[in-house]
Amino acid sequence: MENTLQAIKITDNARQRILATAEKEQVDTTAARLRIAVVPGGCSGLTYDLGWDTTVREQDEVCDVDGLPIVIDARSMAYLEGSVLDFSDGLQGKGFHFSNPQAVRNCACGESFGL
């Protein structure tokens, strides 16, 4: 099952891994939220950034996905529209992976994308 956030979906597998990471890192999810952002970088021009943040800005969208507090800025939201965040520990590498229908090119390592 996937949980919908305005622009993106977060799979149950990704949500569970994020919550487990928060617990392991002793992150207080009542004070901190997972910030999902698209930032310049990587060999294809843009890269995804995930991290804990206690700051919520005016242009941010904030929501809760089954106990997972999320924040995404408006600029990143436009890049993330239709994306799915998943976690995998299979043959193609362990970690969080975005499937973004807007990406017209991806780098070989899967860490960056271009529009």
PDB file of N, CA and C in Angstrom:
ATOM      1  N   MET A   1       0.839  -1.184   0.000  1.00  0.00           N
ATOM      2  CA  MET A   1       0.000   0.000   0.000  1.00  0.00           C
ATOM      3  C   MET A   1       0.883   1.246   0.000  1.00  0.00           C
ATOM      4  N   GLU A   2       0.497   2.261  -0.714  1.00  0.00           N
ATOM      5  CA  GLU A   2       1.248   3.507  -0.773  1.00  0.00           C
ATOM      6  C   GLU A   2       0.424   4.616  -0.122  1.00  0.00           C
ATOM      7  N   ASN A   3       1.109   5.502   0.558  1.00  0.00           N
ATOM      8  CA  ASN A   3       0.464   6.623   1.223  1.00  0.00           C
ATOM      9  C   ASN A   3       0.669   7.863   0.387  1.00  0.00           C
ATOM     10  N   THR A   4      -0.403   8.612   0.146  1.00  0.00           N
ATOM     11  CA  THR A   4      -0.332   9.763  -0.738  1.00  0.00           C
ATOM     12  C   THR A   4      -0.062  11.055   0.034  1.00  0.00           C
ATOM     13  N   LEU A   5       0.890  11.797  -0.436  1.00  0.00           N
ATOM     14  CA  LEU A   5       1.183  13.146   0.002  1.00  0.00           C
ATOM     15  C   LEU A   5       0.955  13.963  -1.256  1.00  0.00           C
ATOM     16  N   GLN A   6       0.324  15.093  -1.176  1.00  0.00           N
ATOM     17  CA  GLN A   6      -0.026  15.888  -2.351  1.00  0.00           C
ATOM     18  C   GLN A   6       0.728  15.511  -3.628  1.00  0.00           C
ATOM     19  N   ALA A   7       2.029  15.690  -3.652  1.00  0.00           N
ATOM     20  CA  ALA A   7       2.796  15.517  -4.888  1.00  0.00           C
ATOM     21  C   ALA A   7       3.362  14.120  -5.053  1.00  0.00           C
ATOM     22  N   ILE A   8       3.602  13.415  -3.957  1.00  0.00           N
ATOM     23  CA  ILE A   8       4.296  12.138  -4.064  1.00  0.00           C
ATOM     24  C   ILE A   8       3.582  11.051  -3.273  1.00  0.00           C
ATOM     25  N   LYS A   9       4.013   9.835  -3.521  1.00  0.00           N
ATOM     26  CA  LYS A   9       3.553   8.683  -2.745  1.00  0.00           C
ATOM     27  C   LYS A   9       4.764   8.142  -1.992  1.00  0.00           C
ATOM     28  N   ILE A  10       4.522   7.659  -0.810  1.00  0.00           N
ATOM     29  CA  ILE A  10       5.571   7.036   0.005  1.00  0.00           C
ATOM     30  C   ILE A  10       5.115   5.616   0.290  1.00  0.00           C
ATOM     31  N   THR A  11       5.885   4.642  -0.147  1.00  0.00           N
ATOM     32  CA  THR A  11       5.487   3.255   0.066  1.00  0.00           C
ATOM     33  C   THR A  11       5.569   2.920   1.548  1.00  0.00           C
ATOM     34  N   ASP A  12       4.833   1.911   1.949  1.00  0.00           N
ATOM     35  CA  ASP A  12       4.885   1.459   3.341  1.00  0.00           C
ATOM     36  C   ASP A  12       6.304   1.064   3.720  1.00  0.00           C
ATOM     37  N   ASN A  13       7.025   0.437   2.799  1.00  0.00           N
ATOM     38  CA  ASN A  13       8.398   0.013   3.058  1.00  0.00           C
ATOM     39  C   ASN A  13       9.286   1.218   3.380  1.00  0.00           C
ATOM     40  N   ALA A  14       9.155   2.297   2.612  1.00  0.00           N
ATOM     41  CA  ALA A  14       9.940   3.517   2.851  1.00  0.00           C
ATOM     42  C   ALA A  14       9.525   4.168   4.165  1.00  0.00           C
ATOM     43  N   ARG A  15       8.229   4.257   4.415  1.00  0.00           N
ATOM     44  CA  ARG A  15       7.734   4.869   5.646  1.00  0.00           C
ATOM     45  C   ARG A  15       8.246   4.121   6.870  1.00  0.00           C
ATOM     46  N   GLN A  16       8.180   2.807   6.833  1.00  0.00           N
ATOM     47  CA  GLN A  16       8.658   2.008   7.962  1.00  0.00           C
ATOM     48  C   GLN A  16      10.153   2.188   8.177  1.00  0.00           C
ATOM     49  N   ARG A  17      10.932   2.254   7.102  1.00  0.00           N
ATOM     50  CA  ARG A  17      12.383   2.421   7.214  1.00  0.00           C
ATOM     51  C   ARG A  17      12.729   3.808   7.768  1.00  0.00           C
ATOM     52  N   ILE A  18      11.993   4.828   7.341  1.00  0.00           N
ATOM     53  CA  ILE A  18      12.227   6.183   7.838  1.00  0.00           C
ATOM     54  C   ILE A  18      11.920   6.252   9.331  1.00  0.00           C
ATOM     55  N   LEU A  19      10.799   5.674   9.752  1.00  0.00           N
ATOM     56  CA  LEU A  19      10.446   5.679  11.170  1.00  0.00           C
ATOM     57  C   LEU A  19      11.452   4.882  11.999  1.00  0.00           C
ATOM     58  N   ALA A  20      11.948   3.776  11.450  1.00  0.00           N
ATOM     59  CA  ALA A  20      12.966   2.986  12.149  1.00  0.00           C
ATOM     60  C   ALA A  20      14.266   3.773  12.279  1.00  0.00           C
ATOM     61  N   THR A  21      14.621   4.510  11.240  1.00  0.00           N
ATOM     62  CA  THR A  21      15.822   5.348  11.267  1.00  0.00           C
ATOM     63  C   THR A  21      15.671   6.457  12.307  1.00  0.00           C
ATOM     64  N   ALA A  22      14.501   7.058  12.362  1.00  0.00           N
ATOM     65  CA  ALA A  22      14.251   8.108  13.359  1.00  0.00           C
ATOM     66  C   ALA A  22      14.420   7.551  14.768  1.00  0.00           C
ATOM     67  N   GLU A  23      13.910   6.373  14.989  1.00  0.00           N
ATOM     68  CA  GLU A  23      14.041   5.750  16.312  1.00  0.00           C
ATOM     69  C   GLU A  23      15.507   5.447  16.632  1.00  0.00           C
ATOM     70  N   LYS A  24      16.218   4.893  15.664  1.00  0.00           N
ATOM     71  CA  LYS A  24      17.637   4.549  15.853  1.00  0.00           C
ATOM     72  C   LYS A  24      18.476   5.801  16.132  1.00  0.00           C
ATOM     73  N   GLU A  25      18.166   6.901  15.426  1.00  0.00           N
ATOM     74  CA  GLU A  25      18.910   8.150  15.587  1.00  0.00           C
ATOM     75  C   GLU A  25      18.345   9.014  16.717  1.00  0.00           C
ATOM     76  N   GLN A  26      17.345   8.489  17.416  1.00  0.00           N
ATOM     77  CA  GLN A  26      16.693   9.183  18.522  1.00  0.00           C
ATOM     78  C   GLN A  26      16.138  10.547  18.109  1.00  0.00           C
ATOM     79  N   VAL A  27      15.494  10.561  16.947  1.00  0.00           N
ATOM     80  CA  VAL A  27      14.861  11.775  16.442  1.00  0.00           C
ATOM     81  C   VAL A  27      13.461  11.864  17.042  1.00  0.00           C
ATOM     82  N   ASP A  28      13.145  12.982  17.624  1.00  0.00           N
ATOM     83  CA  ASP A  28      11.825  13.225  18.189  1.00  0.00           C
ATOM     84  C   ASP A  28      10.912  13.684  17.058  1.00  0.00           C
ATOM     85  N   THR A  29      10.093  12.779  16.536  1.00  0.00           N
ATOM     86  CA  THR A  29       9.249  13.111  15.388  1.00  0.00           C
ATOM     87  C   THR A  29       8.060  13.993  15.767  1.00  0.00           C
ATOM     88  N   THR A  30       7.921  14.345  17.056  1.00  0.00           N
ATOM     89  CA  THR A  30       6.912  15.341  17.419  1.00  0.00           C
ATOM     90  C   THR A  30       7.482  16.742  17.212  1.00  0.00           C
ATOM     91  N   ALA A  31       8.821  16.852  17.158  1.00  0.00           N
ATOM     92  CA  ALA A  31       9.481  18.150  16.951  1.00  0.00           C
ATOM     93  C   ALA A  31      10.120  18.269  15.567  1.00  0.00           C
ATOM     94  N   ALA A  32      10.609  17.169  15.042  1.00  0.00           N
ATOM     95  CA  ALA A  32      11.301  17.172  13.744  1.00  0.00           C
ATOM     96  C   ALA A  32      10.442  16.475  12.699  1.00  0.00           C
ATOM     97  N   ARG A  33      10.581  16.944  11.468  1.00  0.00           N
ATOM     98  CA  ARG A  33       9.872  16.346  10.334  1.00  0.00           C
ATOM     99  C   ARG A  33      10.897  15.909   9.299  1.00  0.00           C
ATOM    100  N   LEU A  34      10.509  14.952   8.481  1.00  0.00           N
ATOM    101  CA  LEU A  34      11.369  14.563   7.370  1.00  0.00           C
ATOM    102  C   LEU A  34      11.182  15.587   6.269  1.00  0.00           C
ATOM    103  N   ARG A  35      12.259  16.289   5.935  1.00  0.00           N
ATOM    104  CA  ARG A  35      12.215  17.252   4.833  1.00  0.00           C
ATOM    105  C   ARG A  35      12.658  16.522   3.567  1.00  0.00           C
ATOM    106  N   ILE A  36      11.797  16.568   2.555  1.00  0.00           N
ATOM    107  CA  ILE A  36      12.108  16.015   1.239  1.00  0.00           C
ATOM    108  C   ILE A  36      12.303  17.200   0.314  1.00  0.00           C
ATOM    109  N   ALA A  37      13.455  17.253  -0.352  1.00  0.00           N
ATOM    110  CA  ALA A  37      13.759  18.389  -1.219  1.00  0.00           C
ATOM    111  C   ALA A  37      14.458  17.929  -2.488  1.00  0.00           C
ATOM    112  N   VAL A  38      14.353  18.752  -3.510  1.00  0.00           N
ATOM    113  CA  VAL A  38      15.116  18.585  -4.746  1.00  0.00           C
ATOM    114  C   VAL A  38      16.093  19.746  -4.779  1.00  0.00           C
ATOM    115  N   VAL A  39      17.384  19.416  -4.898  1.00  0.00           N
ATOM    116  CA  VAL A  39      18.433  20.435  -4.867  1.00  0.00           C
ATOM    117  C   VAL A  39      19.347  20.271  -6.085  1.00  0.00           C
ATOM    118  N   PRO A  40      20.015  21.352  -6.502  1.00  0.00           N
ATOM    119  CA  PRO A  40      20.974  21.234  -7.605  1.00  0.00           C
ATOM    120  C   PRO A  40      22.111  20.304  -7.212  1.00  0.00           C
ATOM    121  N   GLY A  41      22.542  19.479  -8.167  1.00  0.00           N
ATOM    122  CA  GLY A  41      23.672  18.593  -7.897  1.00  0.00           C
ATOM    123  C   GLY A  41      23.618  17.332  -8.715  1.00  0.00           C
ATOM    124  N   GLY A  42      24.644  16.526  -8.573  1.00  0.00           N
ATOM    125  CA  GLY A  42      24.725  15.268  -9.299  1.00  0.00           C
ATOM    126  C   GLY A  42      25.081  15.476 -10.754  1.00  0.00           C
ATOM    127  N   CYS A  43      25.355  14.394 -11.441  1.00  0.00           N
ATOM    128  CA  CYS A  43      25.785  14.498 -12.828  1.00  0.00           C
ATOM    129  C   CYS A  43      24.637  14.789 -13.804  1.00  0.00           C
ATOM    130  N   SER A  44      23.376  14.659 -13.343  1.00  0.00           N
ATOM    131  CA  SER A  44      22.246  14.970 -14.222  1.00  0.00           C
ATOM    132  C   SER A  44      21.582  16.307 -13.896  1.00  0.00           C
ATOM    133  N   GLY A  45      22.098  17.007 -12.892  1.00  0.00           N
ATOM    134  CA  GLY A  45      21.615  18.361 -12.617  1.00  0.00           C
ATOM    135  C   GLY A  45      20.824  18.552 -11.338  1.00  0.00           C
ATOM    136  N   LEU A  46      20.007  17.573 -10.940  1.00  0.00           N
ATOM    137  CA  LEU A  46      19.194  17.677  -9.736  1.00  0.00           C
ATOM    138  C   LEU A  46      19.328  16.401  -8.919  1.00  0.00           C
ATOM    139  N   THR A  47      19.229  16.536  -7.615  1.00  0.00           N
ATOM    140  CA  THR A  47      19.301  15.373  -6.749  1.00  0.00           C
ATOM    141  C   THR A  47      18.276  15.503  -5.629  1.00  0.00           C
ATOM    142  N   TYR A  48      17.933  14.394  -5.030  1.00  0.00           N
ATOM    143  CA  TYR A  48      16.972  14.378  -3.934  1.00  0.00           C
ATOM    144  C   TYR A  48      17.724  14.518  -2.616  1.00  0.00           C
ATOM    145  N   ASP A  49      17.082  15.180  -1.669  1.00  0.00           N
ATOM    146  CA  ASP A  49      17.685  15.366  -0.355  1.00  0.00           C
ATOM    147  C   ASP A  49      16.647  15.002   0.705  1.00  0.00           C
ATOM    148  N   LEU A  50      17.023  14.115   1.618  1.00  0.00           N
ATOM    149  CA  LEU A  50      16.169  13.718   2.732  1.00  0.00           C
ATOM    150  C   LEU A  50      16.900  14.044   4.021  1.00  0.00           C
ATOM    151  N   GLY A  51      16.218  14.654   4.956  1.00  0.00           N
ATOM    152  CA  GLY A  51      16.847  14.953   6.237  1.00  0.00           C
ATOM    153  C   GLY A  51      15.829  15.453   7.235  1.00  0.00           C
ATOM    154  N   TRP A  52      16.179  15.401   8.506  1.00  0.00           N
ATOM    155  CA  TRP A  52      15.293  15.859   9.572  1.00  0.00           C
ATOM    156  C   TRP A  52      15.404  17.361   9.717  1.00  0.00           C
ATOM    157  N   ASP A  53      14.264  18.015   9.930  1.00  0.00           N
ATOM    158  CA  ASP A  53      14.238  19.468  10.046  1.00  0.00           C
ATOM    159  C   ASP A  53      13.178  19.878  11.068  1.00  0.00           C
ATOM    160  N   THR A  54      13.526  20.812  11.936  1.00  0.00           N
ATOM    161  CA  THR A  54      12.583  21.330  12.922  1.00  0.00           C
ATOM    162  C   THR A  54      11.975  22.659  12.474  1.00  0.00           C
ATOM    163  N   THR A  55      12.428  23.166  11.327  1.00  0.00           N
ATOM    164  CA  THR A  55      11.950  24.446  10.822  1.00  0.00           C
ATOM    165  C   THR A  55      10.886  24.235   9.748  1.00  0.00           C
ATOM    166  N   VAL A  56       9.809  24.970   9.851  1.00  0.00           N
ATOM    167  CA  VAL A  56       8.775  24.960   8.819  1.00  0.00           C
ATOM    168  C   VAL A  56       8.663  26.387   8.304  1.00  0.00           C
ATOM    169  N   ARG A  57       8.858  26.545   6.994  1.00  0.00           N
ATOM    170  CA  ARG A  57       8.808  27.858   6.366  1.00  0.00           C
ATOM    171  C   ARG A  57       7.423  28.113   5.772  1.00  0.00           C
ATOM    172  N   GLU A  58       7.152  29.354   5.470  1.00  0.00           N
ATOM    173  CA  GLU A  58       5.832  29.741   4.956  1.00  0.00           C
ATOM    174  C   GLU A  58       5.447  28.989   3.682  1.00  0.00           C
ATOM    175  N   GLN A  59       6.411  28.716   2.804  1.00  0.00           N
ATOM    176  CA  GLN A  59       6.113  28.067   1.522  1.00  0.00           C
ATOM    177  C   GLN A  59       6.108  26.537   1.608  1.00  0.00           C
ATOM    178  N   ASP A  60       6.282  25.989   2.807  1.00  0.00           N
ATOM    179  CA  ASP A  60       6.326  24.533   2.985  1.00  0.00           C
ATOM    180  C   ASP A  60       4.934  23.926   3.077  1.00  0.00           C
ATOM    181  N   GLU A  61       4.824  22.711   2.568  1.00  0.00           N
ATOM    182  CA  GLU A  61       3.622  21.911   2.794  1.00  0.00           C
ATOM    183  C   GLU A  61       3.989  20.898   3.864  1.00  0.00           C
ATOM    184  N   VAL A  62       3.158  20.805   4.878  1.00  0.00           N
ATOM    185  CA  VAL A  62       3.403  19.911   6.002  1.00  0.00           C
ATOM    186  C   VAL A  62       2.257  18.926   6.081  1.00  0.00           C
ATOM    187  N   CYS A  63       2.576  17.652   6.302  1.00  0.00           N
ATOM    188  CA  CYS A  63       1.524  16.663   6.498  1.00  0.00           C
ATOM    189  C   CYS A  63       2.058  15.494   7.298  1.00  0.00           C
ATOM    190  N   ASP A  64       1.186  14.603   7.645  1.00  0.00           N
ATOM    191  CA  ASP A  64       1.529  13.403   8.386  1.00  0.00           C
ATOM    192  C   ASP A  64       1.078  12.218   7.547  1.00  0.00           C
ATOM    193  N   VAL A  65       2.001  11.293   7.269  1.00  0.00           N
ATOM    194  CA  VAL A  65       1.672  10.093   6.502  1.00  0.00           C
ATOM    195  C   VAL A  65       1.780   8.903   7.445  1.00  0.00           C
ATOM    196  N   ASP A  66       0.652   8.501   8.007  1.00  0.00           N
ATOM    197  CA  ASP A  66       0.599   7.378   8.947  1.00  0.00           C
ATOM    198  C   ASP A  66       1.684   7.445  10.011  1.00  0.00           C
ATOM    199  N   GLY A  67       1.774   8.562  10.693  1.00  0.00           N
ATOM    200  CA  GLY A  67       2.746   8.711  11.770  1.00  0.00           C
ATOM    201  C   GLY A  67       4.086   9.251  11.337  1.00  0.00           C
ATOM    202  N   LEU A  68       4.246   9.530  10.064  1.00  0.00           N
ATOM    203  CA  LEU A  68       5.503  10.070   9.553  1.00  0.00           C
ATOM    204  C   LEU A  68       5.295  11.541   9.187  1.00  0.00           C
ATOM    205  N   PRO A  69       5.856  12.465   9.980  1.00  0.00           N
ATOM    206  CA  PRO A  69       5.700  13.887   9.668  1.00  0.00           C
ATOM    207  C   PRO A  69       6.616  14.293   8.518  1.00  0.00           C
ATOM    208  N   ILE A  70       6.039  14.922   7.493  1.00  0.00           N
ATOM    209  CA  ILE A  70       6.761  15.277   6.266  1.00  0.00           C
ATOM    210  C   ILE A  70       6.636  16.776   6.002  1.00  0.00           C
ATOM    211  N   VAL A  71       7.694  17.371   5.446  1.00  0.00           N
ATOM    212  CA  VAL A  71       7.644  18.760   4.989  1.00  0.00           C
ATOM    213  C   VAL A  71       8.362  18.846   3.643  1.00  0.00           C
ATOM    214  N   ILE A  72       7.747  19.555   2.687  1.00  0.00           N
ATOM    215  CA  ILE A  72       8.314  19.741   1.345  1.00  0.00           C
ATOM    216  C   ILE A  72       8.107  21.198   0.951  1.00  0.00           C
ATOM    217  N   ASP A  73       9.164  21.839   0.468  1.00  0.00           N
ATOM    218  CA  ASP A  73       9.026  23.228   0.027  1.00  0.00           C
ATOM    219  C   ASP A  73       8.326  23.270  -1.332  1.00  0.00           C
ATOM    220  N   ALA A  74       7.734  24.413  -1.644  1.00  0.00           N
ATOM    221  CA  ALA A  74       6.931  24.569  -2.857  1.00  0.00           C
ATOM    222  C   ALA A  74       7.733  24.302  -4.131  1.00  0.00           C
ATOM    223  N   ARG A  75       8.984  24.750  -4.192  1.00  0.00           N
ATOM    224  CA  ARG A  75       9.816  24.545  -5.384  1.00  0.00           C
ATOM    225  C   ARG A  75      10.056  23.050  -5.609  1.00  0.00           C
ATOM    226  N   SER A  76      10.391  22.341  -4.549  1.00  0.00           N
ATOM    227  CA  SER A  76      10.635  20.901  -4.662  1.00  0.00           C
ATOM    228  C   SER A  76       9.362  20.158  -5.024  1.00  0.00           C
ATOM    229  N   MET A  77       8.235  20.629  -4.510  1.00  0.00           N
ATOM    230  CA  MET A  77       6.952  19.979  -4.778  1.00  0.00           C
ATOM    231  C   MET A  77       6.703  19.890  -6.279  1.00  0.00           C
ATOM    232  N   ALA A  78       7.053  20.947  -7.015  1.00  0.00           N
ATOM    233  CA  ALA A  78       6.855  20.951  -8.462  1.00  0.00           C
ATOM    234  C   ALA A  78       7.684  19.859  -9.145  1.00  0.00           C
ATOM    235  N   TYR A  79       8.909  19.635  -8.659  1.00  0.00           N
ATOM    236  CA  TYR A  79       9.779  18.597  -9.232  1.00  0.00           C
ATOM    237  C   TYR A  79       9.339  17.189  -8.843  1.00  0.00           C
ATOM    238  N   LEU A  80       8.657  17.066  -7.717  1.00  0.00           N
ATOM    239  CA  LEU A  80       8.309  15.755  -7.176  1.00  0.00           C
ATOM    240  C   LEU A  80       6.940  15.245  -7.617  1.00  0.00           C
ATOM    241  N   GLU A  81       6.163  16.069  -8.280  1.00  0.00           N
ATOM    242  CA  GLU A  81       4.804  15.694  -8.666  1.00  0.00           C
ATOM    243  C   GLU A  81       4.771  14.334  -9.359  1.00  0.00           C
ATOM    244  N   GLY A  82       3.997  13.416  -8.786  1.00  0.00           N
ATOM    245  CA  GLY A  82       3.838  12.085  -9.364  1.00  0.00           C
ATOM    246  C   GLY A  82       4.897  11.083  -8.955  1.00  0.00           C
ATOM    247  N   SER A  83       5.849  11.480  -8.129  1.00  0.00           N
ATOM    248  CA  SER A  83       6.941  10.593  -7.730  1.00  0.00           C
ATOM    249  C   SER A  83       6.521   9.601  -6.647  1.00  0.00           C
ATOM    250  N   VAL A  84       7.277   8.518  -6.561  1.00  0.00           N
ATOM    251  CA  VAL A  84       7.090   7.517  -5.514  1.00  0.00           C
ATOM    252  C   VAL A  84       8.425   7.341  -4.796  1.00  0.00           C
ATOM    253  N   LEU A  85       8.405   7.451  -3.466  1.00  0.00           N
ATOM    254  CA  LEU A  85       9.587   7.195  -2.648  1.00  0.00           C
ATOM    255  C   LEU A  85       9.467   5.786  -2.095  1.00  0.00           C
ATOM    256  N   ASP A  86      10.500   4.980  -2.337  1.00  0.00           N
ATOM    257  CA  ASP A  86      10.511   3.598  -1.875  1.00  0.00           C
ATOM    258  C   ASP A  86      11.856   3.311  -1.223  1.00  0.00           C
ATOM    259  N   PHE A  87      11.920   2.218  -0.487  1.00  0.00           N
ATOM    260  CA  PHE A  87      13.180   1.748   0.077  1.00  0.00           C
ATOM    261  C   PHE A  87      13.411   0.343  -0.419  1.00  0.00           C
ATOM    262  N   SER A  88      14.652   0.080  -0.837  1.00  0.00           N
ATOM    263  CA  SER A  88      15.011  -1.231  -1.363  1.00  0.00           C
ATOM    264  C   SER A  88      16.330  -1.690  -0.770  1.00  0.00           C
ATOM    265  N   ASP A  89      16.443  -2.967  -0.545  1.00  0.00           N
ATOM    266  CA  ASP A  89      17.738  -3.522  -0.145  1.00  0.00           C
ATOM    267  C   ASP A  89      18.079  -4.701  -1.042  1.00  0.00           C
ATOM    268  N   GLY A  90      17.676  -4.578  -2.288  1.00  0.00           N
ATOM    269  CA  GLY A  90      17.882  -5.635  -3.269  1.00  0.00           C
ATOM    270  C   GLY A  90      19.167  -5.482  -4.061  1.00  0.00           C
ATOM    271  N   LEU A  91      19.225  -6.154  -5.191  1.00  0.00           N
ATOM    272  CA  LEU A  91      20.417  -6.198  -6.030  1.00  0.00           C
ATOM    273  C   LEU A  91      20.778  -4.840  -6.644  1.00  0.00           C
ATOM    274  N   GLN A  92      19.804  -3.961  -6.786  1.00  0.00           N
ATOM    275  CA  GLN A  92      20.087  -2.660  -7.401  1.00  0.00           C
ATOM    276  C   GLN A  92      20.527  -1.623  -6.378  1.00  0.00           C
ATOM    277  N   GLY A  93      20.869  -2.075  -5.200  1.00  0.00           N
ATOM    278  CA  GLY A  93      21.382  -1.162  -4.189  1.00  0.00           C
ATOM    279  C   GLY A  93      20.428  -0.961  -3.036  1.00  0.00           C
ATOM    280  N   LYS A  94      21.002  -0.800  -1.867  1.00  0.00           N
ATOM    281  CA  LYS A  94      20.222  -0.581  -0.664  1.00  0.00           C
ATOM    282  C   LYS A  94      20.039   0.914  -0.463  1.00  0.00           C
ATOM    283  N   GLY A  95      18.824   1.316  -0.163  1.00  0.00           N
ATOM    284  CA  GLY A  95      18.573   2.712   0.129  1.00  0.00           C
ATOM    285  C   GLY A  95      17.237   3.188  -0.381  1.00  0.00           C
ATOM    286  N   PHE A  96      17.027   4.484  -0.212  1.00  0.00           N
ATOM    287  CA  PHE A  96      15.802   5.115  -0.673  1.00  0.00           C
ATOM    288  C   PHE A  96      15.938   5.442  -2.152  1.00  0.00           C
ATOM    289  N   HIS A  97      14.867   5.208  -2.882  1.00  0.00           N
ATOM    290  CA  HIS A  97      14.869   5.447  -4.325  1.00  0.00           C
ATOM    291  C   HIS A  97      13.583   6.168  -4.713  1.00  0.00           C
ATOM    292  N   PHE A  98      13.730   7.173  -5.563  1.00  0.00           N
ATOM    293  CA  PHE A  98      12.583   7.884  -6.098  1.00  0.00           C
ATOM    294  C   PHE A  98      12.316   7.393  -7.505  1.00  0.00           C
ATOM    295  N   SER A  99      11.072   7.152  -7.789  1.00  0.00           N
ATOM    296  CA  SER A  99      10.632   6.899  -9.159  1.00  0.00           C
ATOM    297  C   SER A  99       9.885   8.163  -9.558  1.00  0.00           C
ATOM    298  N   ASN A 100      10.479   8.932 -10.481  1.00  0.00           N
ATOM    299  CA  ASN A 100       9.944  10.240 -10.831  1.00  0.00           C
ATOM    300  C   ASN A 100       9.567  10.260 -12.309  1.00  0.00           C
ATOM    301  N   PRO A 101       8.266  10.321 -12.611  1.00  0.00           N
ATOM    302  CA  PRO A 101       7.837  10.312 -14.012  1.00  0.00           C
ATOM    303  C   PRO A 101       8.246  11.563 -14.782  1.00  0.00           C
ATOM    304  N   GLN A 102       8.638  12.635 -14.090  1.00  0.00           N
ATOM    305  CA  GLN A 102       9.052  13.862 -14.754  1.00  0.00           C
ATOM    306  C   GLN A 102      10.504  13.822 -15.226  1.00  0.00           C
ATOM    307  N   ALA A 103      11.289  12.906 -14.671  1.00  0.00           N
ATOM    308  CA  ALA A 103      12.711  12.832 -15.017  1.00  0.00           C
ATOM    309  C   ALA A 103      12.867  12.352 -16.459  1.00  0.00           C
ATOM    310  N   VAL A 104      13.582  13.134 -17.265  1.00  0.00           N
ATOM    311  CA  VAL A 104      13.834  12.734 -18.651  1.00  0.00           C
ATOM    312  C   VAL A 104      15.196  12.064 -18.788  1.00  0.00           C
ATOM    313  N   ARG A 105      16.026  12.224 -17.764  1.00  0.00           N
ATOM    314  CA  ARG A 105      17.314  11.522 -17.747  1.00  0.00           C
ATOM    315  C   ARG A 105      17.708  11.274 -16.290  1.00  0.00           C
ATOM    316  N   ASN A 106      18.387  10.163 -16.083  1.00  0.00           N
ATOM    317  CA  ASN A 106      18.914   9.798 -14.776  1.00  0.00           C
ATOM    318  C   ASN A 106      20.377   9.450 -14.936  1.00  0.00           C
ATOM    319  N   CYS A 107      21.146   9.688 -13.895  1.00  0.00           N
ATOM    320  CA  CYS A 107      22.556   9.290 -13.974  1.00  0.00           C
ATOM    321  C   CYS A 107      22.648   7.778 -13.762  1.00  0.00           C
ATOM    322  N   ALA A 108      23.761   7.212 -14.101  1.00  0.00           N
ATOM    323  CA  ALA A 108      23.949   5.759 -14.010  1.00  0.00           C
ATOM    324  C   ALA A 108      23.804   5.238 -12.591  1.00  0.00           C
ATOM    325  N   CYS A 109      24.216   6.023 -11.606  1.00  0.00           N
ATOM    326  CA  CYS A 109      24.138   5.544 -10.227  1.00  0.00           C
ATOM    327  C   CYS A 109      22.751   5.753  -9.631  1.00  0.00           C
ATOM    328  N   GLY A 110      21.878   6.482 -10.302  1.00  0.00           N
ATOM    329  CA  GLY A 110      20.516   6.698  -9.821  1.00  0.00           C
ATOM    330  C   GLY A 110      20.386   7.773  -8.766  1.00  0.00           C
ATOM    331  N   GLU A 111      21.439   8.525  -8.526  1.00  0.00           N
ATOM    332  CA  GLU A 111      21.421   9.551  -7.480  1.00  0.00           C
ATOM    333  C   GLU A 111      20.928  10.915  -7.952  1.00  0.00           C
ATOM    334  N   SER A 112      20.913  11.155  -9.264  1.00  0.00           N
ATOM    335  CA  SER A 112      20.458  12.452  -9.748  1.00  0.00           C
ATOM    336  C   SER A 112      19.597  12.271 -10.993  1.00  0.00           C
ATOM    337  N   PHE A 113      18.900  13.357 -11.350  1.00  0.00           N
ATOM    338  CA  PHE A 113      18.010  13.319 -12.499  1.00  0.00           C
ATOM    339  C   PHE A 113      17.962  14.683 -13.156  1.00  0.00           C
ATOM    340  N   GLY A 114      17.410  14.729 -14.349  1.00  0.00           N
ATOM    341  CA  GLY A 114      17.225  15.981 -15.075  1.00  0.00           C
ATOM    342  C   GLY A 114      15.836  16.022 -15.681  1.00  0.00           C
ATOM    343  N   LEU A 115      15.356  17.228 -15.911  1.00  0.00           N
ATOM    344  CA  LEU A 115      14.019  17.415 -16.495  1.00  0.00           C
ATOM    345  C   LEU A 115      14.120  17.883 -17.918  1.00  0.00           C
TER     346      LEU A 115
END
